Amino acid sequence: MKQFNTNHVVRLLGVVSQGDPTLVIMELMANGDLKGYLRRHRPDYENGNEPSPQPPTLRQIYQMAIEIADGMAYLSAKKFVHRDLAARNCMVADDLTVKIGDFGMTRD
């Protein structure tokens, strides 16, 4: 994963393998996974006394789909198979950039 160099795959920053458990340091994706992001931005989302955040526009949703496809195409070109593409495994940054993450089932 360290050799991945694209804007649509979560970057691996480092690994600490001394001690137990092994720690993996990934880039921060402040909005969490895409599944949670979309649920939090539903018009009917209950958020206590706070108003619901604005749902993403159609243009933003298309852009997210394009970024996911680009990330998967990159992995395919590198001969990696993700095997578990799902909204829970796509991460959303502050600027709404979406990146492929969770490589627990990746194969090369």
Protein backbone atom coordinates (compact mmCIF):
# COMPACT_ATOMS: atom_id res chain seq x y z
CA MET A 1 0.00 0.00 0.00
CA LYS A 2 2.92 2.34 0.60
CA GLN A 3 3.59 2.44 -3.15
CA PHE A 4 0.06 3.65 -3.99
CA ASN A 5 0.27 7.22 -5.25
CA THR A 6 -3.12 8.54 -6.32
CA ASN A 7 -5.64 11.04 -5.03
CA HIS A 8 -8.42 8.47 -4.70
CA VAL A 9 -6.83 5.78 -2.52
CA VAL A 10 -6.25 6.47 1.19
CA ARG A 11 -2.53 6.97 1.83
CA LEU A 12 -0.59 4.73 4.18
CA LEU A 13 1.70 7.01 6.19
CA GLY A 14 3.40 4.44 8.38
CA VAL A 15 3.29 1.21 10.34
CA VAL A 16 4.47 0.53 13.89
CA SER A 17 5.17 -3.19 14.11
CA GLN A 18 7.01 -3.24 17.43
CA GLY A 19 4.76 -4.46 20.20
CA ASP A 20 1.22 -5.66 20.05
CA PRO A 21 -1.05 -4.66 18.41
CA THR A 22 0.54 -3.51 15.15
CA LEU A 23 -0.47 0.10 14.46
CA VAL A 24 -1.23 1.46 10.99
CA ILE A 25 -1.12 5.22 10.37
CA MET A 26 -3.34 6.41 7.52
CA GLU A 27 -4.14 9.90 6.27
CA LEU A 28 -6.97 11.65 8.11
CA MET A 29 -10.35 11.52 6.39
CA ALA A 30 -12.30 13.92 8.60
CA ASN A 31 -15.82 13.04 7.41
CA GLY A 32 -15.38 9.32 8.08
CA ASP A 33 -16.75 6.63 5.83
CA LEU A 34 -19.14 7.35 2.95
CA LYS A 35 -21.95 5.29 4.46
CA GLY A 36 -21.94 7.32 7.68
CA TYR A 37 -21.51 10.60 5.78
CA LEU A 38 -24.55 9.92 3.59
CA ARG A 39 -26.64 8.84 6.58
CA ARG A 40 -25.72 11.99 8.54
CA HIS A 41 -26.67 14.16 5.57
CA ARG A 42 -30.11 12.65 4.93
CA PRO A 43 -32.93 15.21 5.06
CA ASP A 44 -34.68 13.19 7.80
CA TYR A 45 -31.56 12.65 9.95
CA GLU A 46 -32.22 13.15 13.68
CA ASN A 47 -29.38 15.14 15.24
CA GLY A 48 -30.83 16.24 18.56
CA ASN A 49 -31.46 19.99 18.58
CA GLU A 50 -29.02 20.72 15.77
CA PRO A 51 -30.34 21.16 12.22
CA SER A 52 -29.54 18.44 9.70
CA PRO A 53 -26.52 19.20 7.51
CA GLN A 54 -27.22 19.93 3.85
CA PRO A 55 -27.39 16.74 1.77
CA PRO A 56 -24.81 16.50 -1.03
CA THR A 57 -25.91 17.88 -4.38
CA LEU A 58 -26.34 15.64 -7.41
CA ARG A 59 -23.12 17.10 -8.81
CA GLN A 60 -21.26 16.18 -5.60
CA ILE A 61 -22.68 12.64 -5.70
CA TYR A 62 -21.55 12.24 -9.32
CA GLN A 63 -18.10 13.53 -8.35
CA MET A 64 -17.92 11.00 -5.51
CA ALA A 65 -18.82 8.18 -7.91
CA ILE A 66 -16.14 9.34 -10.36
CA GLU A 67 -13.51 9.43 -7.59
CA ILE A 68 -14.44 5.92 -6.43
CA ALA A 69 -14.22 4.62 -10.01
CA ASP A 70 -10.86 6.35 -10.46
CA GLY A 71 -9.51 4.79 -7.27
CA MET A 72 -10.67 1.33 -8.31
CA ALA A 73 -9.19 1.77 -11.81
CA TYR A 74 -5.87 2.73 -10.20
CA LEU A 75 -5.91 -0.38 -7.99
CA SER A 76 -6.76 -2.53 -11.01
CA ALA A 77 -3.88 -1.04 -13.00
CA LYS A 78 -1.58 -1.95 -10.08
CA LYS A 79 -2.96 -5.53 -10.22
CA PHE A 80 -4.71 -5.22 -6.84
CA VAL A 81 -8.22 -6.53 -6.26
CA HIS A 82 -10.02 -4.81 -3.39
CA ARG A 83 -12.72 -7.53 -2.94
CA ASP A 84 -14.89 -5.46 -0.57
CA LEU A 85 -15.87 -2.20 -2.24
CA ALA A 86 -18.71 -0.71 -0.20
CA ALA A 87 -19.72 2.71 1.09
CA ARG A 88 -18.33 1.71 4.51
CA ASN A 89 -14.88 1.28 2.88
CA CYS A 90 -14.83 4.62 1.05
CA MET A 91 -13.56 7.53 3.12
CA VAL A 92 -14.64 11.19 2.82
CA ALA A 93 -12.23 14.11 3.35
CA ASP A 94 -13.08 17.65 4.51
CA ASP A 95 -13.32 18.83 0.90
CA LEU A 96 -15.66 15.87 0.10
CA THR A 97 -12.96 14.02 -1.85
CA VAL A 98 -13.71 10.29 -1.62
CA LYS A 99 -10.92 7.72 -1.39
CA ILE A 100 -10.87 3.93 -1.35
CA GLY A 101 -9.81 2.50 2.00
CA ASP A 102 -9.94 -0.69 4.12
CA PHE A 103 -7.58 -3.09 2.43
CA GLY A 104 -8.24 -6.02 4.77
CA MET A 105 -9.35 -8.26 1.92
CA THR A 106 -7.01 -6.93 -0.80
CA ARG A 107 -5.30 -9.40 -3.10
CA ASP A 108 -2.46 -8.91 -5.53
